[in-house]
Protein backbone atom coordinates (compact mmCIF):
# COMPACT_ATOMS: atom_id res chain seq x y z
CA MET A 1 13.16 -7.74 -14.64
CA PRO A 2 9.73 -7.17 -13.86
CA SER A 3 8.05 -3.47 -13.74
CA ILE A 4 5.64 -1.41 -11.84
CA ARG A 5 2.77 -2.26 -13.77
CA ASP A 6 3.66 -5.84 -13.79
CA LEU A 7 3.68 -5.50 -9.50
CA VAL A 8 0.49 -3.61 -9.91
CA ALA A 9 -0.97 -6.14 -11.63
CA ALA A 10 0.54 -9.33 -9.62
CA ILE A 11 -1.10 -8.40 -6.22
CA ARG A 12 -4.42 -7.32 -7.95
CA GLN A 13 -5.12 -11.38 -9.35
CA ARG A 14 -4.49 -11.54 -5.30
CA GLU A 15 -7.48 -13.42 -3.82
CA GLY A 16 -9.43 -10.91 -2.16
CA VAL A 17 -7.43 -7.97 -3.07
CA GLU A 18 -9.90 -4.84 -5.01
CA ALA A 19 -7.29 -2.09 -5.51
CA ALA A 20 -3.53 -2.06 -5.61
CA VAL A 21 -2.29 1.23 -6.40
CA VAL A 22 1.53 2.84 -6.09
CA LEU A 23 1.91 6.64 -5.24
CA GLY A 24 4.52 8.43 -4.79
CA ARG A 25 4.86 10.24 -0.93
CA ASP A 26 3.13 13.44 -1.97
CA GLY A 27 0.13 11.69 -3.49
CA LEU A 28 0.64 11.34 -6.69
CA LEU A 29 -0.81 8.20 -8.18
CA ILE A 30 2.05 6.13 -9.60
CA ASP A 31 0.22 3.43 -11.23
CA SER A 32 -2.69 1.61 -10.04
CA GLN A 33 -5.86 -1.51 -10.88
CA SER A 34 -9.09 -1.35 -9.24
CA ILE A 35 -12.20 -3.13 -9.52
CA PRO A 36 -15.00 -0.43 -10.65
CA GLY A 37 -16.21 2.15 -8.90
CA VAL A 38 -12.58 2.48 -6.71
CA ASP A 39 -11.10 6.25 -7.47
CA ALA A 40 -7.20 5.29 -7.14
CA GLU A 41 -6.63 8.95 -7.81
CA ASP A 42 -8.90 9.80 -4.91
CA LEU A 43 -7.24 6.91 -2.36
CA ALA A 44 -3.69 8.12 -3.10
CA ALA A 45 -4.34 11.73 -2.41
CA ARG A 46 -5.41 10.52 1.15
CA ILE A 47 -2.25 8.29 1.90
CA PRO A 48 0.11 10.75 2.95
CA ALA A 49 -1.77 12.13 5.67
CA ILE A 50 -2.09 8.71 7.50
CA ILE A 51 1.83 8.44 6.74
CA GLY A 52 2.39 11.35 8.61
CA ALA A 53 -0.44 10.94 11.52
CA ALA A 54 1.27 7.45 11.88
CA ASP A 55 5.45 8.99 11.28
CA GLU A 56 4.08 11.18 14.61
CA LEU A 57 3.20 8.49 16.15
CA GLY A 58 6.15 6.49 15.78
CA ALA A 59 8.32 9.27 16.64
CA ALA A 60 6.51 10.00 19.99
CA ALA A 61 6.63 6.35 21.25
CA VAL A 62 10.22 6.06 19.36
CA ARG A 63 9.23 3.25 17.22
CA GLY A 64 10.58 5.69 13.93
CA SER A 65 9.31 5.75 10.58
CA LEU A 66 5.45 4.23 9.24
CA MET A 67 6.66 0.38 7.85
CA THR A 68 3.78 -0.23 7.21
CA ALA A 69 0.20 -0.24 8.75
CA VAL A 70 -3.10 -2.82 8.35
CA LEU A 71 -6.44 -0.21 9.19
CA GLU A 72 -9.34 -2.86 9.26
CA HIS A 73 -12.46 -1.24 8.29
CA HIS A 74 -16.00 -1.67 8.49
CA SER A 75 -15.64 -3.61 4.80
CA GLY A 76 -12.43 -4.46 4.74
CA LEU A 77 -8.73 -3.87 5.28
CA ALA A 78 -6.19 -1.39 3.95
CA VAL A 79 -3.22 -2.10 4.07
CA ILE A 80 -0.62 0.62 3.26
CA SER A 81 3.50 -0.36 2.74
CA VAL A 82 6.21 2.06 2.55
CA LEU A 83 8.62 1.69 0.08
CA SER A 84 11.19 4.35 -0.38
CA ALA A 85 11.62 7.58 0.84
CA ASP A 86 9.48 8.08 -2.85
CA ALA A 87 7.31 5.68 -3.48
CA VAL A 88 4.30 3.72 -1.32
CA LEU A 89 2.14 1.11 -2.08
CA PHE A 90 -1.91 0.80 -1.06
CA VAL A 91 -3.71 -1.88 -0.90
CA LEU A 92 -7.53 -2.45 -0.79
CA VAL A 93 -8.71 -6.13 0.86
CA ARG A 94 -11.73 -7.81 1.07
CA PRO A 95 -12.69 -8.57 4.87
CA GLN A 96 -13.06 -12.45 4.57
CA ALA A 97 -9.19 -12.11 2.50
CA ASN A 98 -6.24 -14.13 4.41
CA ILE A 99 -3.51 -11.27 4.56
CA GLY A 100 -0.96 -12.57 5.93
CA GLN A 101 1.00 -14.08 2.99
CA LEU A 102 0.60 -10.28 1.50
CA LEU A 103 1.88 -8.84 5.01
CA PHE A 104 4.92 -11.09 5.12
CA GLU A 105 5.17 -11.28 1.34
CA LEU A 106 5.74 -7.52 1.12
CA ARG A 107 8.18 -6.95 3.80
CA ARG A 108 10.30 -9.68 2.94
CA ASN A 109 10.66 -8.18 -0.87
CA ARG A 110 10.11 -4.22 0.34
CA GLU A 111 13.41 -3.36 -1.21
CA HIS A 112 13.29 -5.50 -4.26
CA ILE A 113 9.48 -3.43 -5.10
CA ALA A 114 10.87 -0.15 -4.36
CA ALA A 115 13.97 -0.59 -7.32
CA LEU A 116 10.72 -0.97 -9.53
CA VAL A 117 9.56 2.11 -8.97
């Protein structure tokens, strides 16, 4: 059975992926791989606030809690995928990367990925 380290490595090796970070819902880093200059611990610490705000929006819009968020920034994309009540996957992607397949695989394999954490 693959480990969380194997998962992070596989995501990081995808074309256009600059960082793959698995973190607890409390923002503590579980595992990560990234290009030089990316501070995975700092990024992980910021994710719970985004999830909290998205959950509040989901409640107000009667859509439920956050499952996946794609944030588009000037220099690339950030994907947040809530794996379980305890774990989150955060992926930084270059702006020109095709993230369709990544999003499909994350959605389809969410339970299998969560079981690794």
